[in-house]
Protein backbone atom coordinates (compact mmCIF):
# COMPACT_ATOMS: atom_id res chain seq x y z
CA MET A 1 -23.26 -56.21 -26.39
CA LYS A 2 -25.63 -53.60 -24.86
CA LYS A 3 -23.40 -53.41 -21.78
CA ILE A 4 -20.31 -52.72 -23.93
CA LEU A 5 -22.17 -49.99 -25.87
CA ALA A 6 -23.24 -48.33 -22.60
CA ILE A 7 -19.65 -48.28 -21.34
CA LEU A 8 -18.44 -46.77 -24.62
CA LEU A 9 -21.20 -44.16 -24.51
CA CYS A 10 -20.24 -43.12 -20.95
CA ALA A 11 -16.61 -42.71 -22.02
CA ALA A 12 -17.58 -40.64 -25.05
CA ILE A 13 -19.59 -38.00 -23.14
CA THR A 14 -16.79 -37.08 -20.70
CA ILE A 15 -16.34 -33.29 -20.98
CA GLY A 16 -14.86 -31.86 -17.77
CA PHE A 17 -16.70 -34.52 -15.74
CA THR A 18 -17.96 -38.09 -16.07
CA ALA A 19 -21.50 -39.17 -15.38
CA CYS A 20 -21.81 -42.94 -15.44
CA GLY A 21 -23.86 -44.98 -13.08
CA GLY A 22 -24.29 -41.87 -10.85
CA ALA A 23 -20.52 -41.20 -10.68
CA GLU A 24 -19.04 -37.76 -11.44
CA THR A 25 -15.54 -36.34 -11.68
CA LEU A 26 -15.41 -32.56 -11.21
CA THR A 27 -12.61 -30.03 -11.16
CA GLY A 28 -12.41 -26.81 -9.14
CA LYS A 29 -9.99 -23.92 -8.71
CA ALA A 30 -9.06 -21.32 -6.11
CA ASP A 31 -6.18 -18.96 -5.35
CA GLY A 32 -3.93 -20.21 -2.58
CA TYR A 33 -1.10 -18.50 -0.73
CA GLY A 34 1.40 -18.88 -3.55
CA GLY A 35 -0.74 -19.47 -6.62
CA LEU A 36 -3.41 -21.64 -8.19
CA VAL A 37 -4.85 -24.58 -6.22
CA THR A 38 -6.73 -27.19 -8.28
CA VAL A 39 -8.89 -30.03 -6.94
CA THR A 40 -10.35 -33.12 -8.54
CA VAL A 41 -13.56 -34.18 -6.80
CA LYS A 42 -15.22 -37.54 -7.33
CA LYS A 43 -18.87 -38.03 -6.42
CA LYS A 44 -21.30 -40.89 -6.54
CA GLY A 45 -24.82 -39.60 -6.26
CA ASP A 46 -24.79 -37.13 -3.36
CA LYS A 47 -21.71 -38.67 -1.78
CA ILE A 48 -18.20 -37.17 -2.12
CA THR A 49 -15.92 -40.17 -2.55
CA SER A 50 -12.56 -38.55 -3.26
CA VAL A 51 -10.77 -35.19 -3.24
CA LYS A 52 -7.31 -34.76 -4.75
CA VAL A 53 -5.36 -31.50 -4.58
CA GLU A 54 -2.66 -29.97 -6.78
CA GLY A 55 -0.86 -26.75 -5.96
CA ASP A 56 2.86 -26.66 -6.66
CA LYS A 57 3.07 -22.91 -5.96
CA GLU A 58 2.16 -23.37 -2.30
CA THR A 59 4.98 -23.48 0.27
CA GLN A 60 5.13 -27.23 0.71
CA GLU A 61 6.37 -27.36 4.29
CA VAL A 62 3.44 -25.16 5.32
CA ALA A 63 0.78 -26.46 2.92
CA LYS A 64 1.45 -30.20 3.30
CA ALA A 65 -0.72 -30.58 6.38
CA ALA A 66 -3.64 -28.88 4.60
CA PHE A 67 -3.13 -31.04 1.49
CA ASP A 68 -3.17 -34.16 3.66
CA GLU A 69 -5.94 -33.32 6.11
CA ILE A 70 -8.55 -31.14 4.37
CA PRO A 71 -9.47 -33.57 1.53
CA ASP A 72 -9.93 -36.47 3.98
CA ALA A 73 -12.01 -34.26 6.27
CA ILE A 74 -14.27 -33.21 3.38
CA VAL A 75 -14.79 -36.83 2.28
CA LYS A 76 -15.48 -37.94 5.85
CA ALA A 77 -17.97 -35.10 6.47
CA ASN A 78 -19.36 -35.27 2.92
CA SER A 79 -19.26 -31.51 3.20
CA THR A 80 -16.88 -28.55 2.87
CA ASP A 81 -17.94 -27.38 6.32
CA VAL A 82 -14.67 -28.50 7.92
CA ASP A 83 -12.07 -26.86 10.13
CA VAL A 84 -8.99 -25.27 8.58
CA VAL A 85 -5.53 -26.53 9.49
CA SER A 86 -3.72 -24.31 11.99
CA GLY A 87 -0.67 -22.70 10.40
CA ALA A 88 -1.98 -23.28 6.87
CA THR A 89 -5.15 -21.20 6.95
CA VAL A 90 -4.89 -19.67 3.47
CA THR A 91 -4.15 -23.00 1.78
CA SER A 92 -6.94 -24.71 3.75
CA LYS A 93 -9.47 -22.09 2.68
CA ALA A 94 -8.26 -22.36 -0.92
CA ILE A 95 -8.86 -26.14 -0.95
CA ILE A 96 -12.31 -25.70 0.56
CA TYR A 97 -13.23 -22.98 -1.96
CA ALA A 98 -11.89 -25.04 -4.87
CA VAL A 99 -14.09 -27.99 -3.83
CA ASN A 100 -17.08 -25.64 -3.60
CA ASN A 101 -16.17 -24.28 -7.04
CA ALA A 102 -16.19 -27.83 -8.41
CA LEU A 103 -19.54 -28.66 -6.80
CA ASP A 104 -21.33 -25.35 -7.50
CA PRO A 105 -19.39 -23.04 -9.85
CA GLU A 106 -22.24 -20.51 -10.10
CA LYS A 107 -22.34 -19.94 -6.35
CA TYR A 108 -18.55 -20.19 -5.99
CA PRO A 109 -17.08 -18.74 -9.20
CA TYR A 110 -13.42 -18.70 -10.13
CA PRO A 111 -11.93 -16.18 -10.13
CA ILE A 112 -13.89 -14.81 -7.19
CA VAL A 113 -16.08 -11.86 -8.16
CA LYS A 114 -16.10 -9.44 -5.24
CA ASP A 115 -19.19 -7.34 -4.80
CA LYS A 116 -18.40 -3.64 -4.55
CA GLU A 117 -20.12 -2.11 -1.56
CA ASP A 118 -21.74 1.23 -2.15
CA PRO A 119 -20.13 3.64 0.30
CA GLU A 120 -22.33 5.04 3.01
CA GLU A 121 -23.17 8.70 2.50
CA VAL A 122 -21.50 10.98 5.05
CA THR A 123 -22.56 14.58 5.57
CA ALA A 124 -20.45 17.05 7.54
CA ALA A 125 -20.75 20.73 8.30
CA ASN A 126 -17.00 21.09 7.80
CA VAL A 127 -14.55 18.72 6.17
CA PHE A 128 -10.85 18.57 7.00
CA GLN A 129 -8.13 16.61 5.20
CA GLY A 130 -4.90 15.38 6.71
CA PHE A 131 -1.90 13.44 5.47
CA GLY A 132 0.21 11.54 7.98
CA ILE A 133 3.40 9.56 7.57
CA SER A 134 5.18 7.33 10.06
CA ASN A 135 8.76 6.21 9.35
CA MET A 136 10.34 3.27 11.13
CA GLY A 137 13.47 1.18 10.68
CA ARG A 138 13.41 -2.57 11.12
CA ILE A 139 16.20 -4.92 12.18
CA GLY A 140 15.71 -8.36 10.74
CA PRO A 141 14.01 -10.71 10.45
CA GLY A 142 17.36 -12.20 11.44
CA THR A 143 19.87 -13.01 8.72
CA ASP A 144 19.84 -14.63 5.30
CA ASP A 145 21.13 -18.11 4.48
CA LYS A 146 24.70 -16.73 4.42
CA ASP A 147 24.30 -15.21 7.87
CA VAL A 148 24.20 -11.66 6.44
CA PRO A 149 21.84 -9.39 8.41
CA VAL A 150 18.54 -8.25 6.89
CA TYR A 151 17.20 -4.70 7.35
CA SER A 152 14.31 -2.60 6.07
CA PHE A 153 12.59 0.73 6.57
CA ASN A 154 8.80 1.09 6.68
CA GLN A 155 6.68 4.11 5.86
CA VAL A 156 2.95 4.20 6.64
CA LEU A 157 0.92 6.77 4.68
CA ALA A 158 -2.54 7.89 5.85
CA ASN A 159 -4.94 10.12 3.87
CA VAL A 160 -7.79 10.93 6.25
CA LEU A 161 -10.93 13.09 6.18
CA PHE A 162 -12.37 14.42 9.44
CA ASP A 163 -15.62 16.19 10.27
CA GLU A 164 -16.15 19.21 12.52
CA ASN A 165 -16.25 16.90 15.56
CA ASP A 166 -12.84 15.39 14.67
CA LYS A 167 -14.42 12.08 13.67
CA ILE A 168 -12.97 10.13 10.74
CA ILE A 169 -15.39 10.19 7.80
CA ALA A 170 -13.06 8.56 5.25
CA ILE A 171 -9.61 7.01 5.43
CA HIS A 172 -7.17 5.40 3.03
CA VAL A 173 -3.91 3.93 4.33
CA ASP A 174 -1.00 2.56 2.35
CA GLN A 175 2.51 1.51 3.24
CA ILE A 176 5.90 1.01 1.66
CA GLU A 177 8.53 -1.35 3.01
CA VAL A 178 12.01 -1.17 1.48
CA ALA A 179 14.52 -3.88 2.40
CA THR A 180 18.07 -4.96 1.81
CA PRO A 181 18.28 -7.14 -1.32
CA ASN A 182 18.91 -10.27 0.75
CA TYR A 183 15.37 -10.13 2.16
CA ASP A 184 13.58 -13.27 1.00
CA GLY A 185 10.26 -11.81 -0.09
CA GLU A 186 8.67 -11.81 -3.54
CA GLY A 187 7.92 -8.30 -4.78
CA MET A 188 9.72 -6.59 -1.88
CA PRO A 189 11.14 -3.16 -2.85
CA GLU A 190 14.90 -3.13 -2.33
CA PHE A 191 17.56 -0.56 -1.47
CA SER A 192 21.24 -1.42 -1.17
CA GLY A 193 22.18 2.00 0.14
CA PHE A 194 23.70 4.99 -1.65
CA PRO A 195 26.69 4.29 -3.91
CA GLY A 196 29.93 4.72 -2.00
CA GLN A 197 28.46 3.60 1.34
CA GLY A 198 30.21 0.23 1.18
CA SER A 199 27.09 -1.81 0.48
CA ILE A 200 27.64 -5.53 0.95
CA TYR A 201 24.25 -6.39 -0.54
CA SER A 202 24.51 -5.80 -4.31
CA ASP A 203 26.09 -3.72 -7.07
CA ASP A 204 27.27 -0.33 -5.86
CA THR A 205 26.71 1.81 -8.96
CA ASP A 206 24.74 4.90 -9.95
CA ASP A 207 22.66 2.85 -12.38
CA SER A 208 21.71 0.17 -9.84
CA PHE A 209 20.85 2.87 -7.27
CA MET A 210 18.48 4.64 -9.69
CA ALA A 211 16.92 1.37 -10.84
CA GLU A 212 16.19 0.24 -7.27
CA VAL A 213 14.46 3.45 -6.19
CA ASN A 214 12.43 3.86 -9.39
CA THR A 215 10.82 0.43 -8.94
CA TRP A 216 9.66 0.79 -5.33
CA LYS A 217 5.99 -0.12 -4.83
CA THR A 218 3.59 0.33 -1.94
CA LYS A 219 1.89 -2.66 -0.34
CA ARG A 220 -1.36 -1.79 -2.12
CA ASP A 221 0.50 -1.53 -5.43
CA ARG A 222 1.95 -4.98 -4.79
CA GLY A 223 -1.63 -6.29 -4.78
CA ASP A 224 -2.20 -10.04 -4.70
CA THR A 225 1.52 -10.74 -4.40
CA TYR A 226 1.39 -9.42 -0.82
CA LYS A 227 -0.57 -12.26 0.78
CA MET A 228 -0.94 -12.65 4.52
CA GLY A 229 -2.57 -15.20 6.79
CA THR A 230 -5.96 -13.69 6.00
CA GLY A 231 -6.15 -12.25 2.50
CA THR A 232 -3.79 -9.58 1.18
CA TRP A 233 -2.29 -6.63 3.04
CA ALA A 234 -4.73 -4.32 1.23
CA GLU A 235 -7.75 -6.42 2.23
CA GLN A 236 -6.66 -6.47 5.86
CA MET A 237 -6.12 -2.70 5.86
CA ASP A 238 -9.56 -2.19 4.29
CA THR A 239 -11.06 -4.07 7.24
CA PHE A 240 -9.31 -1.85 9.78
CA GLU A 241 -10.38 1.29 7.91
CA LYS A 242 -14.03 0.29 8.29
CA VAL A 243 -13.46 -0.08 12.03
CA PHE A 244 -11.92 3.39 12.30
CA VAL A 245 -14.57 5.35 10.35
CA GLY A 246 -16.79 7.23 12.82
CA LYS A 247 -14.09 7.39 15.50
CA THR A 248 -11.87 10.26 16.58
CA VAL A 249 -8.12 9.68 16.63
CA ALA A 250 -8.28 9.41 20.41
CA GLU A 251 -10.94 6.71 20.05
CA VAL A 252 -8.79 4.87 17.49
CA GLU A 253 -5.90 4.95 19.96
CA ASP A 254 -8.20 3.70 22.74
CA TRP A 255 -9.51 0.91 20.47
CA PHE A 256 -5.95 -0.17 19.73
CA LYS A 257 -4.97 -0.15 23.41
CA LYS A 258 -8.03 -2.10 24.51
CA TYR A 259 -8.48 -4.63 21.72
CA CYS A 260 -4.95 -5.30 20.49
CA SER A 261 -2.06 -7.24 21.95
CA ASP A 262 0.50 -5.36 24.04
CA ILE A 263 3.04 -7.87 22.73
CA ASN A 264 2.65 -7.64 18.96
CA GLY A 265 -0.04 -5.02 18.23
CA ARG A 266 -2.43 -7.51 16.60
CA PRO A 267 -6.16 -7.77 17.40
CA LEU A 268 -6.78 -10.09 20.34
CA LYS A 269 -7.99 -13.61 19.58
CA ALA A 270 -9.79 -16.20 21.66
CA ASP A 271 -7.14 -18.86 21.02
CA SER A 272 -4.08 -16.81 22.00
CA THR A 273 -1.32 -18.84 23.65
CA GLU A 274 0.20 -15.77 25.30
CA ASP A 275 -0.90 -15.44 28.94
CA GLU A 276 -0.85 -11.63 28.78
CA ASP A 277 -3.09 -11.59 25.70
CA ALA A 278 -5.42 -14.27 27.10
CA THR A 279 -5.89 -12.24 30.29
CA LYS A 280 -6.64 -9.08 28.32
CA TYR A 281 -9.08 -10.92 26.03
CA ASN A 282 -10.92 -12.65 28.89
CA ALA A 283 -11.58 -9.29 30.55
CA LEU A 284 -13.73 -8.21 27.59
CA SER A 285 -17.51 -8.46 27.48
CA ASP A 286 -19.27 -10.96 25.22
CA ASP A 287 -20.26 -8.16 22.85
CA GLU A 288 -16.65 -6.97 22.63
CA LYS A 289 -15.46 -10.51 21.95
CA ALA A 290 -18.07 -10.86 19.20
CA MET A 291 -16.92 -7.57 17.65
CA LEU A 292 -13.31 -8.78 17.68
CA ALA A 293 -14.31 -12.10 16.15
CA ASP A 294 -15.78 -10.16 13.22
CA VAL A 295 -12.63 -8.05 12.86
CA VAL A 296 -10.18 -10.97 12.83
CA THR A 297 -12.07 -12.71 10.04
CA GLY A 298 -10.69 -9.95 7.83
CA ALA A 299 -7.69 -8.50 9.67
CA THR A 300 -5.09 -10.12 11.92
CA MET A 301 -1.99 -8.04 11.14
CA SER A 302 -0.40 -5.66 13.61
CA LEU A 303 -1.33 -2.00 13.81
CA ASN A 304 2.01 -1.17 15.42
CA ASP A 305 5.10 -3.34 15.29
CA SER A 306 8.49 -3.24 13.59
CA HIS A 307 6.71 -3.26 10.21
CA GLY A 308 5.25 0.19 10.90
CA ASP A 309 3.05 2.25 13.18
CA ILE A 310 -0.31 2.62 11.45
CA VAL A 311 -1.94 4.31 14.45
CA ALA A 312 0.83 6.95 14.57
CA ALA A 313 0.33 7.77 10.86
CA ILE A 314 -3.41 8.32 11.46
CA LYS A 315 -2.64 10.57 14.43
CA ASN A 316 -0.12 12.48 12.33
CA ALA A 317 -2.81 12.98 9.67
CA PHE A 318 -5.05 14.60 12.29
CA ASP A 319 -2.25 16.86 13.50
CA ASN A 320 -1.64 18.01 9.91
CA LYS A 321 -5.29 18.47 8.88
CA VAL A 322 -6.44 21.50 6.91
CA GLY A 323 -9.96 22.75 6.29
CA LEU A 324 -11.53 22.16 2.87
CA ASP A 325 -13.99 24.18 0.84
CA ILE A 326 -15.85 21.43 -0.99
CA GLU A 327 -19.43 20.49 -1.80
CA SER A 328 -18.89 16.75 -2.23
CA ALA A 329 -16.32 14.07 -3.05
CA THR A 330 -16.69 10.58 -4.48
CA GLY A 331 -13.05 9.47 -4.71
CA LEU A 332 -10.13 9.46 -2.26
CA GLY A 333 -6.63 8.52 -3.40
CA ILE A 334 -3.00 8.34 -2.31
CA GLY A 335 -0.34 8.47 -5.01
CA ILE A 336 3.38 8.05 -4.52
CA SER A 337 6.25 8.68 -6.92
CA ASN A 338 9.76 7.47 -6.05
CA MET A 339 12.88 8.80 -7.75
CA GLY A 340 16.61 8.57 -7.14
CA ARG A 341 18.81 11.64 -7.52
CA LEU A 342 22.48 11.87 -8.45
CA GLY A 343 23.98 14.97 -6.89
CA PRO A 344 23.89 17.89 -6.70
CA GLY A 345 27.49 17.17 -7.64
CA THR A 346 29.96 16.37 -4.88
CA ASP A 347 30.82 17.67 -1.43
CA ASP A 348 33.92 19.75 -0.58
CA ASN A 349 35.95 16.53 -0.45
CA ASP A 350 34.84 15.62 -3.98
CA VAL A 351 32.66 12.78 -2.67
CA PRO A 352 29.39 12.36 -4.65
CA VAL A 353 26.08 13.39 -3.05
CA TYR A 354 22.93 11.28 -3.46
CA SER A 355 19.29 11.32 -2.37
CA PHE A 356 15.98 9.61 -3.00
CA ASN A 357 12.80 11.63 -3.38
CA GLN A 358 9.25 10.52 -2.64
CA VAL A 359 6.21 12.61 -3.62
CA PHE A 360 2.93 11.88 -1.81
CA ALA A 361 -0.28 13.15 -3.43
CA ASN A 362 -3.47 12.96 -1.39
CA THR A 363 -6.40 13.85 -3.58
CA LEU A 364 -10.19 14.09 -3.53
CA PHE A 365 -12.16 13.73 -6.77
CA ASP A 366 -15.76 14.36 -7.79
CA LYS A 367 -17.95 12.05 -9.87
CA ASP A 368 -16.49 13.51 -13.08
CA GLY A 369 -12.91 12.84 -12.02
CA LYS A 370 -12.18 16.48 -11.26
CA ILE A 371 -9.94 17.35 -8.32
CA VAL A 372 -11.96 18.96 -5.53
CA ALA A 373 -9.11 19.02 -3.01
CA ILE A 374 -5.44 18.08 -3.09
CA HIS A 375 -2.65 17.96 -0.54
CA VAL A 376 0.86 17.13 -1.77
CA ASP A 377 3.90 16.48 0.41
CA GLN A 378 7.36 15.20 -0.33
CA MET A 379 10.32 13.59 1.39
CA GLU A 380 13.93 13.84 0.30
CA VAL A 381 16.44 11.59 2.07
CA ALA A 382 20.11 12.25 1.30
CA SER A 383 23.54 10.82 1.90
CA PRO A 384 25.12 12.31 5.07
CA ASN A 385 27.51 14.54 3.08
CA TYR A 386 24.62 16.63 1.74
CA ASP A 387 25.19 20.18 3.02
CA SER A 388 21.93 20.85 4.86
CA ASP A 389 21.36 20.44 8.59
CA ASP A 390 17.63 19.74 8.40
CA MET A 391 17.79 17.33 5.41
CA PRO A 392 16.73 13.77 6.35
CA LYS A 393 19.80 11.53 6.04
CA PHE A 394 20.56 7.86 5.43
CA ALA A 395 24.09 6.82 6.41
CA GLY A 396 23.68 3.23 5.29
CA TYR A 397 22.80 -0.04 6.96
CA PRO A 398 24.65 -1.36 10.00
CA ASN A 399 27.71 -3.41 8.90
CA SER A 400 28.20 -1.20 5.82
CA SER A 401 30.04 1.31 8.01
CA ASP A 402 31.64 1.26 11.45
CA ASP A 403 29.76 4.51 12.19
CA VAL A 404 26.32 2.90 11.70
CA THR A 405 24.97 0.82 14.56
CA ASP A 406 21.56 -0.76 14.97
CA ASP A 407 20.59 2.07 17.32
CA ASN A 408 21.57 5.04 15.17
CA TYR A 409 20.19 3.27 12.09
CA LEU A 410 16.76 3.22 13.74
CA THR A 411 17.16 6.74 15.10
CA GLN A 412 17.97 8.33 11.74
CA ILE A 413 14.90 6.81 10.04
CA SER A 414 12.47 7.75 12.82
CA ALA A 415 13.73 11.35 12.50
CA TRP A 416 12.93 11.70 8.77
CA LYS A 417 10.62 14.62 8.01
CA THR A 418 8.63 15.61 4.93
CA LYS A 419 9.18 18.97 3.27
CA ARG A 420 5.99 20.32 4.85
CA GLU A 421 7.14 19.10 8.27
CA ARG A 422 10.46 20.89 7.74
CA GLY A 423 8.40 24.11 7.51
CA ASP A 424 10.23 27.43 7.40
CA THR A 425 13.62 25.71 7.29
CA TYR A 426 12.88 24.66 3.70
CA LYS A 427 13.12 28.05 2.00
CA MET A 428 13.18 28.47 -1.76
CA GLY A 429 13.51 31.43 -4.14
CA THR A 430 9.84 32.26 -3.56
CA GLY A 431 8.70 31.38 -0.04
CA THR A 432 8.93 27.89 1.43
CA TRP A 433 8.43 24.57 -0.36
CA ALA A 434 5.02 24.24 1.33
CA GLU A 435 3.91 27.70 0.17
CA GLN A 436 4.94 26.96 -3.40
CA MET A 437 3.11 23.63 -3.35
CA ASP A 438 0.00 25.35 -1.96
CA ALA A 439 0.06 27.70 -4.98
CA PHE A 440 0.20 24.79 -7.42
CA GLU A 441 -2.63 22.99 -5.60
CA LYS A 442 -4.92 25.98 -6.17
CA VAL A 443 -4.17 25.73 -9.90
CA PHE A 444 -5.01 22.00 -10.00
CA VAL A 445 -8.36 22.15 -8.17
CA GLY A 446 -11.21 21.84 -10.67
CA LYS A 447 -9.10 19.97 -13.21
CA THR A 448 -9.04 16.29 -14.11
CA VAL A 449 -5.70 14.48 -13.98
CA ASP A 450 -5.54 14.63 -17.78
CA GLU A 451 -6.05 18.39 -17.61
CA VAL A 452 -3.30 18.69 -14.98
CA GLU A 453 -0.95 16.79 -17.31
CA ASP A 454 -1.97 19.02 -20.23
CA TRP A 455 -1.40 22.15 -18.09
CA PHE A 456 2.08 20.94 -17.19
CA LYS A 457 2.97 20.15 -20.81
CA LYS A 458 1.72 23.50 -22.11
CA TYR A 459 2.82 25.90 -19.38
CA CYS A 460 6.00 24.39 -17.97
CA SER A 461 9.52 24.14 -19.30
CA ASP A 462 10.52 21.04 -21.24
CA ILE A 463 14.02 21.56 -19.84
CA ASN A 464 13.45 21.76 -16.08
CA GLY A 465 9.71 21.30 -15.44
CA ARG A 466 9.24 24.80 -13.98
CA PRO A 467 6.44 27.20 -14.96
CA LEU A 468 7.41 29.30 -17.99
CA LYS A 469 8.54 32.86 -17.33
CA ALA A 470 8.72 35.95 -19.54
CA ASP A 471 12.40 36.52 -18.75
CA SER A 472 13.66 33.03 -19.53
CA THR A 473 17.14 32.89 -21.06
CA GLU A 474 16.54 29.46 -22.64
CA ASP A 475 15.62 29.70 -26.33
CA LYS A 476 13.37 26.64 -26.13
CA ASP A 477 11.42 28.06 -23.18
CA THR A 478 11.19 31.49 -24.80
CA THR A 479 9.71 30.03 -27.97
CA LYS A 480 7.16 28.04 -25.96
CA TYR A 481 6.24 31.09 -23.85
CA ASN A 482 5.86 33.44 -26.81
CA ALA A 483 3.36 31.05 -28.43
CA LEU A 484 0.92 31.64 -25.56
CA SER A 485 -1.96 34.12 -25.61
CA ASP A 486 -1.91 37.27 -23.48
CA ASP A 487 -4.45 35.72 -21.10
CA GLU A 488 -2.29 32.62 -20.70
CA LYS A 489 0.77 34.77 -20.01
CA ALA A 490 -1.20 36.71 -17.40
CA MET A 491 -2.28 33.46 -15.74
CA LEU A 492 1.33 32.26 -15.63
CA ALA A 493 2.46 35.57 -14.17
CA ASP A 494 0.03 35.01 -11.31
CA VAL A 495 1.28 31.44 -10.79
CA VAL A 496 4.99 32.31 -10.64
CA THR A 497 4.40 34.97 -7.96
CA GLY A 498 3.78 32.02 -5.64
CA ALA A 499 5.40 29.01 -7.33
CA THR A 500 8.54 28.70 -9.43
CA MET A 501 9.79 25.21 -8.48
CA SER A 502 9.71 22.26 -10.84
CA LEU A 503 6.79 19.88 -11.05
CA ASN A 504 9.00 17.15 -12.50
CA ASP A 505 12.77 17.04 -12.20
CA SER A 506 15.37 15.02 -10.30
CA HIS A 507 13.79 16.19 -7.03
CA GLY A 508 10.61 14.26 -7.82
CA ASP A 509 7.71 13.84 -10.21
CA ILE A 510 4.73 15.62 -8.66
CA ILE A 511 2.57 15.07 -11.76
CA ALA A 512 3.15 11.30 -11.63
CA ALA A 513 2.12 11.19 -7.97
CA ILE A 514 -1.14 13.04 -8.72
CA LYS A 515 -1.86 10.65 -11.57
CA ALA A 516 -1.20 7.67 -9.27
CA SER A 517 -3.61 9.09 -6.67
CA PHE A 518 -6.38 9.00 -9.28
CA GLU A 519 -5.52 5.48 -10.40
CA ASN A 520 -5.46 4.28 -6.77
CA ARG A 521 -8.59 6.11 -5.61
CA VAL A 522 -11.28 4.41 -3.54
CA THR A 523 -14.97 5.28 -3.68
CA ILE A 524 -16.41 7.50 -0.96
CA ASP A 525 -19.59 9.57 -0.63
CA VAL A 526 -18.87 12.72 1.34
CA LYS A 527 -21.07 15.81 1.22
CA ALA A 528 -20.63 19.15 2.95
CA LYS A 529 -23.72 20.77 4.44
């Protein structure tokens, strides 16, 4: 009778685990490559007797080996200190972490709580800021399941601070990859081409064109959905950024040439199966190999391949750098706003004209969220019938037109230039685009993003987004202008001597990009002497 009561008592106290006769059943969780990985761990005393794994979001053909091998290895070793399965690294690590979470949830919490590192204080006599962009077309990977080719274009964006010795003191890199809709990738931004270009990929309408462009996201914006062999794209890029701080651009280029593969641009690894990479790796010193071992624990992706040239974007940032007049900065952000444009109208053959516009805001903030420095650039890419010689063009993907080959597809993208890069060729009613943007930037320094938004709402037209003017012929603008004080009218008069273009119209939403740069900012600690 006592034995029966003991059995019933053991069954009654099961809450998440069972403790009977020294036996326990524990559950643990971790994030795998595709989603949640759950384990059930059975223990008897200090001995792990069984590990079972569930994870239906993992890619089964890749994860199966990890599901089969890792639990047995943990039971055999009675420890989670086991080797990961080659080719299924992320899933292997997820299983190991989930078991640790089951055994010691305080030490291995789920979800993982990442400690935020306090940034190291950097002091410079002079601070310079540069924005660099690298544009590259990509052919492939291969074709889809209907043998239709896959294409994409990649843009690397680098917001970099340099000191008076040209050394990087802070850096924030992001990237956007836009692919044909038949690319098999969750969360991948898509572009079918401009309406009328004979797209074979999806609907060829004005509405679908606008919807595609307006939903483009950078790789950082895609967050945890952009997983790689080691962590996310953002986590890998963060690792590289730590390597580059303290180096000049020339030293970054030298680091890439010495420590990365000449075949695929990835950091060299001890277990490379490529003879050329193995030879290059073996020529390194023990200290250099140890440094690389640290790097590849956090970053294994390429710094220059068909996905994009990160090193070139950093170099471009240096070439474009401008001196800053700041005392300190605690936040560094890149913001991007993407917008499709219908028109202006049609060409002389009555064929519609299209473009997509991207605004890039590179901003420094102080501890109160006020802008201490800002550098905005923009890219407009148009259909080939747009009447402007220096306008970046997109003629469509190969196979959408007989005139577009793989070669000229790649050539047109690599030739894209921002509005600042177009320089004096981009003239407006008052100076160049760059000069007008410089005038607005002076207005925004010292303001928070909320104050920038308020300034725009109060002092710009609700019709076209341009600064209000005394001689407006629009009744709505005139009413808004006349409600201002004399001091406010005087301030606006000063602004429009240097800037009359819109801050938010079909050419792009500059305000939205500035707001995004604040939301995406990373913590830095830069002080000027």
